[in-house]
Amino acid sequence: MILAILGLLGFVWRTRR
């Protein structure tokens, strides 16, 4: 699902920043 990927991407992005 795109929602799952989007959520994971956002989570990783926030942790990486």
C-alpha atoms as a PDB file:
ATOM      1  CA  MET A   1       0.000   0.000   0.000  1.00  0.00           C
ATOM      2  CA  ILE A   2       1.242   3.501  -0.778  1.00  0.00           C
ATOM      3  CA  LEU A   3       0.073   4.745   2.638  1.00  0.00           C
ATOM      4  CA  ALA A   4       2.340   2.244   4.386  1.00  0.00           C
ATOM      5  CA  ILE A   5       5.338   3.294   2.280  1.00  0.00           C
ATOM      6  CA  LEU A   6       4.562   6.981   2.799  1.00  0.00           C
ATOM      7  CA  GLY A   7       4.305   6.500   6.564  1.00  0.00           C
ATOM      8  CA  LEU A   8       7.551   4.536   6.672  1.00  0.00           C
ATOM      9  CA  LEU A   9       9.327   7.083   4.502  1.00  0.00           C
ATOM     10  CA  GLY A  10       8.131   9.969   6.657  1.00  0.00           C
ATOM     11  CA  PHE A  11       9.199   8.141   9.809  1.00  0.00           C
ATOM     12  CA  VAL A  12      12.676   7.426   8.441  1.00  0.00           C
ATOM     13  CA  TRP A  13      12.965  10.978   7.123  1.00  0.00           C
ATOM     14  CA  ARG A  14      12.099  12.410  10.551  1.00  0.00           C
ATOM     15  CA  THR A  15      14.542  10.096  12.337  1.00  0.00           C
ATOM     16  CA  ARG A  16      17.295  10.766   9.789  1.00  0.00           C
ATOM     17  CA  ARG A  17      16.918  14.540  10.094  1.00  0.00           C
END
